PDB file of N, CA and C in Angstrom:
ATOM      1  N   MET A   1       0.826  -1.133   0.027  1.00  0.00           N
ATOM      2  CA  MET A   1       0.017   0.002   0.066  1.00  0.00           C
ATOM      3  C   MET A   1       0.912   1.245   0.028  1.00  0.00           C
ATOM      4  N   ALA A   2       0.599   2.194  -0.859  1.00  0.00           N
ATOM      5  CA  ALA A   2       1.344   3.463  -0.935  1.00  0.00           C
ATOM      6  C   ALA A   2       1.027   4.367   0.348  1.00  0.00           C
ATOM      7  N   VAL A   3       2.040   5.010   0.761  1.00  0.00           N
ATOM      8  CA  VAL A   3       1.940   5.934   1.910  1.00  0.00           C
ATOM      9  C   VAL A   3       1.343   7.242   1.337  1.00  0.00           C
ATOM     10  N   ILE A   4       0.307   7.764   1.923  1.00  0.00           N
ATOM     11  CA  ILE A   4      -0.335   8.960   1.530  1.00  0.00           C
ATOM     12  C   ILE A   4       0.069  10.065   2.466  1.00  0.00           C
ATOM     13  N   HIS A   5       0.528  11.191   1.834  1.00  0.00           N
ATOM     14  CA  HIS A   5       0.969  12.418   2.738  1.00  0.00           C
ATOM     15  C   HIS A   5       0.044  13.579   2.387  1.00  0.00           C
ATOM     16  N   LEU A   6      -0.239  14.379   3.458  1.00  0.00           N
ATOM     17  CA  LEU A   6      -0.993  15.608   3.252  1.00  0.00           C
ATOM     18  C   LEU A   6       0.004  16.758   3.595  1.00  0.00           C
ATOM     19  N   ASN A   7      -0.063  17.828   2.820  1.00  0.00           N
ATOM     20  CA  ASN A   7       0.752  19.015   3.123  1.00  0.00           C
ATOM     21  C   ASN A   7      -0.070  19.860   4.151  1.00  0.00           C
ATOM     22  N   GLN A   8       0.555  20.918   4.553  1.00  0.00           N
ATOM     23  CA  GLN A   8      -0.057  21.807   5.538  1.00  0.00           C
ATOM     24  C   GLN A   8      -1.420  22.407   5.062  1.00  0.00           C
ATOM     25  N   LYS A   9      -1.404  22.849   3.828  1.00  0.00           N
ATOM     26  CA  LYS A   9      -2.575  23.377   3.274  1.00  0.00           C
ATOM     27  C   LYS A   9      -3.755  22.346   3.244  1.00  0.00           C
ATOM     28  N   GLN A  10      -3.444  21.099   2.822  1.00  0.00           N
ATOM     29  CA  GLN A  10      -4.508  20.110   2.719  1.00  0.00           C
ATOM     30  C   GLN A  10      -4.970  19.776   4.169  1.00  0.00           C
ATOM     31  N   LEU A  11      -4.081  19.673   5.126  1.00  0.00           N
ATOM     32  CA  LEU A  11      -4.523  19.355   6.452  1.00  0.00           C
ATOM     33  C   LEU A  11      -5.354  20.514   7.022  1.00  0.00           C
ATOM     34  N   ALA A  12      -5.027  21.744   6.760  1.00  0.00           N
ATOM     35  CA  ALA A  12      -5.823  22.874   7.357  1.00  0.00           C
ATOM     36  C   ALA A  12      -7.169  22.843   6.663  1.00  0.00           C
ATOM     37  N   THR A  13      -7.278  22.495   5.418  1.00  0.00           N
ATOM     38  CA  THR A  13      -8.604  22.355   4.739  1.00  0.00           C
ATOM     39  C   THR A  13      -9.380  21.225   5.339  1.00  0.00           C
ATOM     40  N   ARG A  14      -8.727  20.097   5.601  1.00  0.00           N
ATOM     41  CA  ARG A  14      -9.373  18.893   6.200  1.00  0.00           C
ATOM     42  C   ARG A  14      -9.978  19.226   7.522  1.00  0.00           C
ATOM     43  N   TRP A  15      -9.295  19.957   8.368  1.00  0.00           N
ATOM     44  CA  TRP A  15      -9.745  20.324   9.705  1.00  0.00           C
ATOM     45  C   TRP A  15     -10.430  21.717   9.812  1.00  0.00           C
ATOM     46  N   ASN A  16     -10.494  22.443   8.657  1.00  0.00           N
ATOM     47  CA  ASN A  16     -11.201  23.705   8.635  1.00  0.00           C
ATOM     48  C   ASN A  16     -10.485  24.688   9.664  1.00  0.00           C
ATOM     49  N   ILE A  17      -9.219  24.784   9.643  1.00  0.00           N
ATOM     50  CA  ILE A  17      -8.408  25.640  10.460  1.00  0.00           C
ATOM     51  C   ILE A  17      -7.426  26.347   9.641  1.00  0.00           C
ATOM     52  N   SER A  18      -6.741  27.339  10.129  1.00  0.00           N
ATOM     53  CA  SER A  18      -5.759  28.047   9.313  1.00  0.00           C
ATOM     54  C   SER A  18      -4.363  27.350   9.380  1.00  0.00           C
ATOM     55  N   GLU A  19      -3.655  27.565   8.366  1.00  0.00           N
ATOM     56  CA  GLU A  19      -2.229  27.065   8.319  1.00  0.00           C
ATOM     57  C   GLU A  19      -1.472  27.612   9.479  1.00  0.00           C
ATOM     58  N   ALA A  20      -1.722  28.833   9.908  1.00  0.00           N
ATOM     59  CA  ALA A  20      -1.050  29.499  10.971  1.00  0.00           C
ATOM     60  C   ALA A  20      -1.301  28.718  12.296  1.00  0.00           C
ATOM     61  N   THR A  21      -2.516  28.221  12.406  1.00  0.00           N
ATOM     62  CA  THR A  21      -2.780  27.380  13.626  1.00  0.00           C
ATOM     63  C   THR A  21      -2.006  26.155  13.605  1.00  0.00           C
ATOM     64  N   LEU A  22      -1.907  25.478  12.506  1.00  0.00           N
ATOM     65  CA  LEU A  22      -1.101  24.282  12.379  1.00  0.00           C
ATOM     66  C   LEU A  22       0.434  24.590  12.682  1.00  0.00           C
ATOM     67  N   GLU A  23       0.859  25.699  12.228  1.00  0.00           N
ATOM     68  CA  GLU A  23       2.267  26.047  12.529  1.00  0.00           C
ATOM     69  C   GLU A  23       2.431  26.257  14.031  1.00  0.00           C
ATOM     70  N   ARG A  24       1.507  26.973  14.636  1.00  0.00           N
ATOM     71  CA  ARG A  24       1.617  27.263  16.037  1.00  0.00           C
ATOM     72  C   ARG A  24       1.576  25.972  16.863  1.00  0.00           C
ATOM     73  N   TRP A  25       0.617  25.077  16.451  1.00  0.00           N
ATOM     74  CA  TRP A  25       0.516  23.776  17.162  1.00  0.00           C
ATOM     75  C   TRP A  25       1.794  22.996  17.092  1.00  0.00           C
ATOM     76  N   ARG A  26       2.479  22.995  15.934  1.00  0.00           N
ATOM     77  CA  ARG A  26       3.699  22.228  15.795  1.00  0.00           C
ATOM     78  C   ARG A  26       4.722  22.817  16.765  1.00  0.00           C
ATOM     79  N   CYS A  27       4.774  24.048  16.898  1.00  0.00           N
ATOM     80  CA  CYS A  27       5.713  24.697  17.844  1.00  0.00           C
ATOM     81  C   CYS A  27       5.452  24.334  19.294  1.00  0.00           C
ATOM     82  N   GLU A  28       4.114  24.113  19.580  1.00  0.00           N
ATOM     83  CA  GLU A  28       3.698  23.762  20.877  1.00  0.00           C
ATOM     84  C   GLU A  28       3.648  22.268  21.176  1.00  0.00           C
ATOM     85  N   GLY A  29       3.961  21.427  20.151  1.00  0.00           N
ATOM     86  CA  GLY A  29       3.925  20.083  20.241  1.00  0.00           C
ATOM     87  C   GLY A  29       2.634  19.437  20.257  1.00  0.00           C
ATOM     88  N   ILE A  30       1.636  20.150  19.623  1.00  0.00           N
ATOM     89  CA  ILE A  30       0.281  19.651  19.437  1.00  0.00           C
ATOM     90  C   ILE A  30       0.088  19.154  17.986  1.00  0.00           C
ATOM     91  N   GLY A  31      -0.783  18.203  17.804  1.00  0.00           N
ATOM     92  CA  GLY A  31      -1.038  17.655  16.506  1.00  0.00           C
ATOM     93  C   GLY A  31      -0.338  16.400  16.098  1.00  0.00           C
ATOM     94  N   PRO A  32      -0.608  15.971  14.905  1.00  0.00           N
ATOM     95  CA  PRO A  32      -0.025  14.732  14.429  1.00  0.00           C
ATOM     96  C   PRO A  32       1.462  14.732  14.199  1.00  0.00           C
ATOM     97  N   LYS A  33       2.083  13.643  14.157  1.00  0.00           N
ATOM     98  CA  LYS A  33       3.522  13.597  13.808  1.00  0.00           C
ATOM     99  C   LYS A  33       3.614  14.160  12.348  1.00  0.00           C
ATOM    100  N   PHE A  34       4.821  14.751  12.151  1.00  0.00           N
ATOM    101  CA  PHE A  34       4.993  15.345  10.810  1.00  0.00           C
ATOM    102  C   PHE A  34       6.437  15.135  10.334  1.00  0.00           C
ATOM    103  N   LEU A  35       6.641  15.209   9.007  1.00  0.00           N
ATOM    104  CA  LEU A  35       7.890  15.128   8.421  1.00  0.00           C
ATOM    105  C   LEU A  35       8.309  16.538   7.858  1.00  0.00           C
ATOM    106  N   LYS A  36       9.523  16.829   7.953  1.00  0.00           N
ATOM    107  CA  LYS A  36      10.072  18.081   7.296  1.00  0.00           C
ATOM    108  C   LYS A  36      11.110  17.705   6.299  1.00  0.00           C
ATOM    109  N   LEU A  37      10.637  17.712   5.037  1.00  0.00           N
ATOM    110  CA  LEU A  37      11.605  17.309   3.989  1.00  0.00           C
ATOM    111  C   LEU A  37      11.813  18.464   2.988  1.00  0.00           C
ATOM    112  N   CYS A  38      13.051  18.879   2.891  1.00  0.00           N
ATOM    113  CA  CYS A  38      13.457  19.986   1.936  1.00  0.00           C
ATOM    114  C   CYS A  38      12.601  21.149   2.266  1.00  0.00           C
ATOM    115  N   GLY A  39      12.356  21.452   3.492  1.00  0.00           N
ATOM    116  CA  GLY A  39      11.593  22.662   3.884  1.00  0.00           C
ATOM    117  C   GLY A  39      10.088  22.476   3.799  1.00  0.00           C
ATOM    118  N   ARG A  40       9.603  21.344   3.327  1.00  0.00           N
ATOM    119  CA  ARG A  40       8.148  21.106   3.301  1.00  0.00           C
ATOM    120  C   ARG A  40       7.726  20.294   4.467  1.00  0.00           C
ATOM    121  N   VAL A  41       6.564  20.671   5.050  1.00  0.00           N
ATOM    122  CA  VAL A  41       6.029  19.991   6.118  1.00  0.00           C
ATOM    123  C   VAL A  41       4.934  19.062   5.554  1.00  0.00           C
ATOM    124  N   LEU A  42       5.051  17.738   5.866  1.00  0.00           N
ATOM    125  CA  LEU A  42       4.093  16.751   5.455  1.00  0.00           C
ATOM    126  C   LEU A  42       3.729  15.875   6.569  1.00  0.00           C
ATOM    127  N   CYS A  43       2.436  15.449   6.535  1.00  0.00           N
ATOM    128  CA  CYS A  43       1.918  14.460   7.540  1.00  0.00           C
ATOM    129  C   CYS A  43       1.455  13.220   6.824  1.00  0.00           C
ATOM    130  N   ARG A  44       1.826  12.128   7.380  1.00  0.00           N
ATOM    131  CA  ARG A  44       1.277  10.772   6.808  1.00  0.00           C
ATOM    132  C   ARG A  44      -0.190  10.730   7.179  1.00  0.00           C
ATOM    133  N   GLN A  45      -1.044  10.239   6.300  1.00  0.00           N
ATOM    134  CA  GLN A  45      -2.407  10.150   6.451  1.00  0.00           C
ATOM    135  C   GLN A  45      -2.715   9.275   7.674  1.00  0.00           C
ATOM    136  N   VAL A  46      -1.891   8.174   7.845  1.00  0.00           N
ATOM    137  CA  VAL A  46      -2.057   7.232   8.922  1.00  0.00           C
ATOM    138  C   VAL A  46      -1.807   7.962  10.317  1.00  0.00           C
ATOM    139  N   ASP A  47      -0.877   8.887  10.339  1.00  0.00           N
ATOM    140  CA  ASP A  47      -0.614   9.647  11.552  1.00  0.00           C
ATOM    141  C   ASP A  47      -1.735  10.591  11.824  1.00  0.00           C
ATOM    142  N   ILE A  48      -2.240  11.271  10.801  1.00  0.00           N
ATOM    143  CA  ILE A  48      -3.368  12.127  10.970  1.00  0.00           C
ATOM    144  C   ILE A  48      -4.637  11.448  11.583  1.00  0.00           C
ATOM    145  N   GLU A  49      -4.949  10.303  11.031  1.00  0.00           N
ATOM    146  CA  GLU A  49      -6.030   9.467  11.479  1.00  0.00           C
ATOM    147  C   GLU A  49      -5.813   8.997  12.928  1.00  0.00           C
ATOM    148  N   ALA A  50      -4.550   8.694  13.209  1.00  0.00           N
ATOM    149  CA  ALA A  50      -4.296   8.227  14.632  1.00  0.00           C
ATOM    150  C   ALA A  50      -4.503   9.427  15.588  1.00  0.00           C
ATOM    151  N   TYR A  51      -4.065  10.590  15.197  1.00  0.00           N
ATOM    152  CA  TYR A  51      -4.215  11.797  16.022  1.00  0.00           C
ATOM    153  C   TYR A  51      -5.724  12.180  16.186  1.00  0.00           C
ATOM    154  N   GLU A  52      -6.494  12.016  15.082  1.00  0.00           N
ATOM    155  CA  GLU A  52      -7.948  12.283  15.151  1.00  0.00           C
ATOM    156  C   GLU A  52      -8.618  11.294  16.073  1.00  0.00           C
ATOM    157  N   GLU A  53      -8.161  10.028  16.079  1.00  0.00           N
ATOM    158  CA  GLU A  53      -8.745   8.977  16.885  1.00  0.00           C
ATOM    159  C   GLU A  53      -8.368   9.281  18.360  1.00  0.00           C
ATOM    160  N   SER A  54      -7.208   9.851  18.602  1.00  0.00           N
ATOM    161  CA  SER A  54      -6.859  10.185  20.019  1.00  0.00           C
ATOM    162  C   SER A  54      -7.621  11.367  20.558  1.00  0.00           C
ATOM    163  N   CYS A  55      -8.256  12.144  19.643  1.00  0.00           N
ATOM    164  CA  CYS A  55      -8.941  13.325  20.070  1.00  0.00           C
ATOM    165  C   CYS A  55     -10.444  13.025  20.240  1.00  0.00           C
ATOM    166  N   LEU A  56     -10.879  11.834  19.911  1.00  0.00           N
ATOM    167  CA  LEU A  56     -12.279  11.507  20.072  1.00  0.00           C
ATOM    168  C   LEU A  56     -12.690  11.615  21.536  1.00  0.00           C
ATOM    169  N   ALA A  57     -13.857  12.168  21.714  1.00  0.00           N
ATOM    170  CA  ALA A  57     -14.341  12.264  23.099  1.00  0.00           C
ATOM    171  C   ALA A  57     -15.712  11.712  23.205  1.00  0.00           C
ATOM    172  N   THR A  58     -16.054  11.215  24.317  1.00  0.00           N
ATOM    173  CA  THR A  58     -17.410  10.745  24.593  1.00  0.00           C
ATOM    174  C   THR A  58     -18.010  11.585  25.699  1.00  0.00           C
ATOM    175  N   SER A  59     -19.345  11.633  25.659  1.00  0.00           N
ATOM    176  CA  SER A  59     -20.013  12.406  26.741  1.00  0.00           C
ATOM    177  C   SER A  59     -19.890  11.629  28.079  1.00  0.00           C
ATOM    178  N   GLN A  60     -19.619  12.323  29.146  1.00  0.00           N
ATOM    179  CA  GLN A  60     -19.544  11.733  30.461  1.00  0.00           C
ATOM    180  C   GLN A  60     -20.871  11.339  30.905  1.00  0.00           C
ATOM    181  N   HIS A  61     -21.935  11.856  30.263  1.00  0.00           N
ATOM    182  CA  HIS A  61     -23.333  11.559  30.658  1.00  0.00           C
ATOM    183  C   HIS A  61     -23.948  10.440  29.812  1.00  0.00           C
ATOM    184  N   ALA A  62     -23.182   9.884  28.968  1.00  0.00           N
ATOM    185  CA  ALA A  62     -23.721   8.791  28.090  1.00  0.00           C
ATOM    186  C   ALA A  62     -24.228   7.576  28.858  1.00  0.00           C
ATOM    187  N   GLY A  63     -25.370   7.188  28.470  1.00  0.00           N
ATOM    188  CA  GLY A  63     -26.030   6.046  29.104  1.00  0.00           C
ATOM    189  C   GLY A  63     -26.650   6.279  30.398  1.00  0.00           C
ATOM    190  N   GLN A  64     -26.813   7.569  30.760  1.00  0.00           N
ATOM    191  CA  GLN A  64     -27.412   7.851  32.041  1.00  0.00           C
ATOM    192  C   GLN A  64     -28.879   8.241  31.877  1.00  0.00           C
TER     193      GLN A  64
END
């Protein structure tokens, strides 16, 4: 299976946030793992999906 990468613009679009927010998050250690190759920031889709999974929340009142 081929590895799929998203660039910063694609990820910002996916999450409906600004590229500046992604840049700030990287500086703060927030967000998915990323690669920096030849000055380009890329995230593997598998790492994005893992990060999204880790952010899932459930209601504390579920089932009550």
